[in-house]
Amino acid sequence: MENEELRVRKLEIIDKNKGFIELLQQLSECNSISDDEFGERFEEIAKYGNDHVICVIEDVSKSKIVATGSVLIEKKFIRKCGKVGHIEDVVVDSNQRGSRLGKNVIDFLVDHACSMGCYKVILDCVDKNIPFYEKCGFKQKEIQMVKYFV
């Protein structure tokens, strides 16, 4: 990234106090959680090492998380025990959209999946986001199905 006030990096435990949860609330239902709950989930995810990485972009001048996304590495039997990266929870702060932060998050996550030996990376998105992901090099394929339990 060219802007030195914006830093792309992995999620850190202190990011809860930098608006990480509030940013996720711009994407989906995400209730407030306590520091203890955040810490427990952070440690749980950390145990997966490079198989579950959460990227953030911090506006260092404001100590605020302004973009995030995650990638989970699925280990498969097909493709000679290949790996697939699943990108999830990509969101850019509503005040920062249009400034290429989303592309920076996607690039970070795709590069990570590639470095982990994935043969592909996939994601789900709503129709209105298709042009953005196409600009990031993705193409539309197949149809997503979902079954919710709650």
Protein backbone atom coordinates (compact mmCIF):
# COMPACT_ATOMS: atom_id res chain seq x y z
CA MET A 1 0.00 0.00 0.00
CA GLU A 2 1.20 3.47 -0.80
CA ASN A 3 -0.39 5.25 2.16
CA GLU A 4 1.98 4.86 5.11
CA GLU A 5 -0.82 5.69 7.58
CA LEU A 6 -2.59 2.48 6.52
CA ARG A 7 -1.01 -0.80 7.59
CA VAL A 8 -2.04 -4.23 6.27
CA ARG A 9 -1.37 -7.00 8.79
CA LYS A 10 -2.79 -9.96 10.66
CA LEU A 11 -5.34 -9.42 13.42
CA GLU A 12 -3.88 -8.70 16.86
CA ILE A 13 -5.57 -9.12 20.25
CA ILE A 14 -5.59 -5.34 20.80
CA ASP A 15 -7.67 -4.79 17.65
CA LYS A 16 -10.90 -5.23 19.59
CA ASN A 17 -10.19 -1.81 21.05
CA LYS A 18 -9.55 -0.42 17.57
CA GLY A 19 -13.08 -0.96 16.29
CA PHE A 20 -12.72 -4.46 14.83
CA ILE A 21 -16.13 -5.68 16.08
CA GLU A 22 -17.85 -2.44 15.04
CA LEU A 23 -16.40 -2.89 11.56
CA LEU A 24 -17.79 -6.44 11.35
CA GLN A 25 -21.19 -5.02 12.35
CA GLN A 26 -21.18 -3.14 9.03
CA LEU A 27 -21.09 -6.54 7.28
CA SER A 28 -23.46 -8.78 9.20
CA GLU A 29 -25.13 -9.48 12.50
CA CYS A 30 -22.36 -9.21 15.05
CA ASN A 31 -23.31 -8.53 18.63
CA SER A 32 -20.99 -6.78 21.03
CA ILE A 33 -18.72 -9.21 22.84
CA SER A 34 -16.73 -8.88 26.04
CA ASP A 35 -12.97 -8.62 26.15
CA ASP A 36 -12.87 -12.13 27.62
CA GLU A 37 -15.02 -13.55 24.82
CA PHE A 38 -12.86 -11.82 22.22
CA GLY A 39 -9.69 -13.12 23.85
CA GLU A 40 -11.00 -16.68 23.99
CA ARG A 41 -12.00 -16.66 20.32
CA PHE A 42 -8.73 -14.98 19.32
CA GLU A 43 -6.74 -17.72 21.08
CA GLU A 44 -8.91 -20.44 19.56
CA ILE A 45 -8.31 -19.08 16.05
CA ALA A 46 -4.60 -18.60 16.75
CA LYS A 47 -4.27 -22.36 17.37
CA TYR A 48 -4.97 -22.90 13.67
CA GLY A 49 -1.83 -20.95 12.79
CA ASN A 50 -1.64 -20.17 9.08
CA ASP A 51 -4.73 -22.28 8.34
CA HIS A 52 -6.98 -19.44 9.57
CA VAL A 53 -5.72 -15.93 9.00
CA ILE A 54 -7.61 -12.70 9.61
CA CYS A 55 -6.24 -9.69 7.75
CA VAL A 56 -6.88 -6.15 8.93
CA ILE A 57 -5.98 -2.73 7.65
CA GLU A 58 -5.32 -0.25 10.42
CA ASP A 59 -5.45 3.49 9.99
CA VAL A 60 -2.46 4.06 12.24
CA SER A 61 -3.12 7.79 12.61
CA LYS A 62 -6.52 7.00 14.16
CA SER A 63 -5.71 3.61 15.76
CA LYS A 64 -8.75 2.27 13.90
CA ILE A 65 -9.34 -0.93 11.93
CA VAL A 66 -10.84 0.17 8.60
CA ALA A 67 -10.91 -3.09 6.62
CA THR A 68 -10.78 -6.81 7.28
CA GLY A 69 -11.21 -10.24 5.75
CA SER A 70 -10.26 -13.80 6.57
CA VAL A 71 -9.06 -16.91 4.78
CA LEU A 72 -9.46 -20.47 5.98
CA ILE A 73 -7.40 -23.26 4.44
CA GLU A 74 -9.30 -26.49 3.79
CA LYS A 75 -7.21 -29.64 3.42
CA LYS A 76 -8.74 -32.04 0.91
CA PHE A 77 -8.20 -35.54 -0.44
CA ILE A 78 -8.96 -34.55 -4.03
CA ARG A 79 -6.32 -32.96 -6.25
CA LYS A 80 -3.57 -35.05 -4.66
CA CYS A 81 -4.47 -33.93 -1.14
CA GLY A 82 -4.79 -30.35 -2.32
CA LYS A 83 -5.79 -27.28 -0.36
CA VAL A 84 -8.48 -24.67 -0.97
CA GLY A 85 -8.61 -21.18 0.50
CA HIS A 86 -12.03 -19.93 1.62
CA ILE A 87 -12.29 -16.14 1.87
CA GLU A 88 -14.86 -14.85 4.34
CA ASP A 89 -16.03 -11.72 6.16
CA VAL A 90 -14.55 -9.06 3.86
CA VAL A 91 -15.64 -5.57 4.85
CA VAL A 92 -14.33 -2.03 4.43
CA ASP A 93 -15.48 0.78 6.69
CA SER A 94 -18.31 2.69 5.01
CA ASN A 95 -16.25 5.92 5.20
CA GLN A 96 -13.30 4.29 3.38
CA ARG A 97 -15.05 2.45 0.54
CA GLY A 98 -13.76 3.20 -2.94
CA SER A 99 -10.17 3.69 -1.75
CA ARG A 100 -8.88 0.24 -2.83
CA LEU A 101 -8.71 -1.11 0.74
CA GLY A 102 -10.92 -4.06 -0.20
CA LYS A 103 -8.54 -4.94 -3.03
CA ASN A 104 -5.63 -4.79 -0.60
CA VAL A 105 -7.41 -7.17 1.79
CA ILE A 106 -8.23 -9.59 -1.04
CA ASP A 107 -4.65 -9.46 -2.35
CA PHE A 108 -3.29 -10.23 1.14
CA LEU A 109 -5.66 -13.19 1.57
CA VAL A 110 -5.09 -14.58 -1.94
CA ASP A 111 -1.31 -14.26 -1.54
CA HIS A 112 -1.54 -16.11 1.77
CA ALA A 113 -3.62 -18.93 0.26
CA CYS A 114 -1.16 -19.22 -2.61
CA SER A 115 1.80 -19.33 -0.22
CA MET A 116 0.05 -22.15 1.68
CA GLY A 117 -0.08 -24.22 -1.50
CA CYS A 118 -3.77 -23.81 -2.32
CA TYR A 119 -4.78 -24.76 -5.85
CA LYS A 120 -7.69 -22.28 -5.72
CA VAL A 121 -9.36 -19.72 -3.51
CA ILE A 122 -13.12 -19.29 -3.38
CA LEU A 123 -15.65 -16.93 -1.81
CA ASP A 124 -19.35 -16.17 -1.72
CA CYS A 125 -20.74 -12.72 -2.39
CA VAL A 126 -23.95 -10.89 -3.14
CA ASP A 127 -24.70 -9.92 -6.73
CA LYS A 128 -23.85 -6.25 -6.23
CA ASN A 129 -20.25 -7.21 -5.25
CA ILE A 130 -19.58 -9.35 -8.34
CA PRO A 131 -17.92 -6.47 -10.29
CA PHE A 132 -15.54 -5.81 -7.37
CA TYR A 133 -14.45 -9.44 -7.13
CA GLU A 134 -14.08 -9.67 -10.91
CA LYS A 135 -11.65 -6.72 -10.70
CA CYS A 136 -9.74 -8.79 -8.13
CA GLY A 137 -9.41 -11.64 -10.64
CA PHE A 138 -12.31 -13.85 -9.55
CA LYS A 139 -14.92 -15.26 -11.90
CA GLN A 140 -18.46 -16.35 -11.22
CA LYS A 141 -18.90 -20.12 -11.01
CA GLU A 142 -21.76 -22.33 -9.89
CA ILE A 143 -24.37 -21.42 -7.28
CA GLN A 144 -24.14 -21.17 -3.50
CA MET A 145 -26.60 -23.02 -1.31
CA VAL A 146 -27.07 -22.47 2.42
CA LYS A 147 -28.96 -23.95 5.34
CA TYR A 148 -29.10 -21.93 8.55
CA PHE A 149 -29.50 -23.53 11.96
CA VAL A 150 -30.29 -20.40 13.97
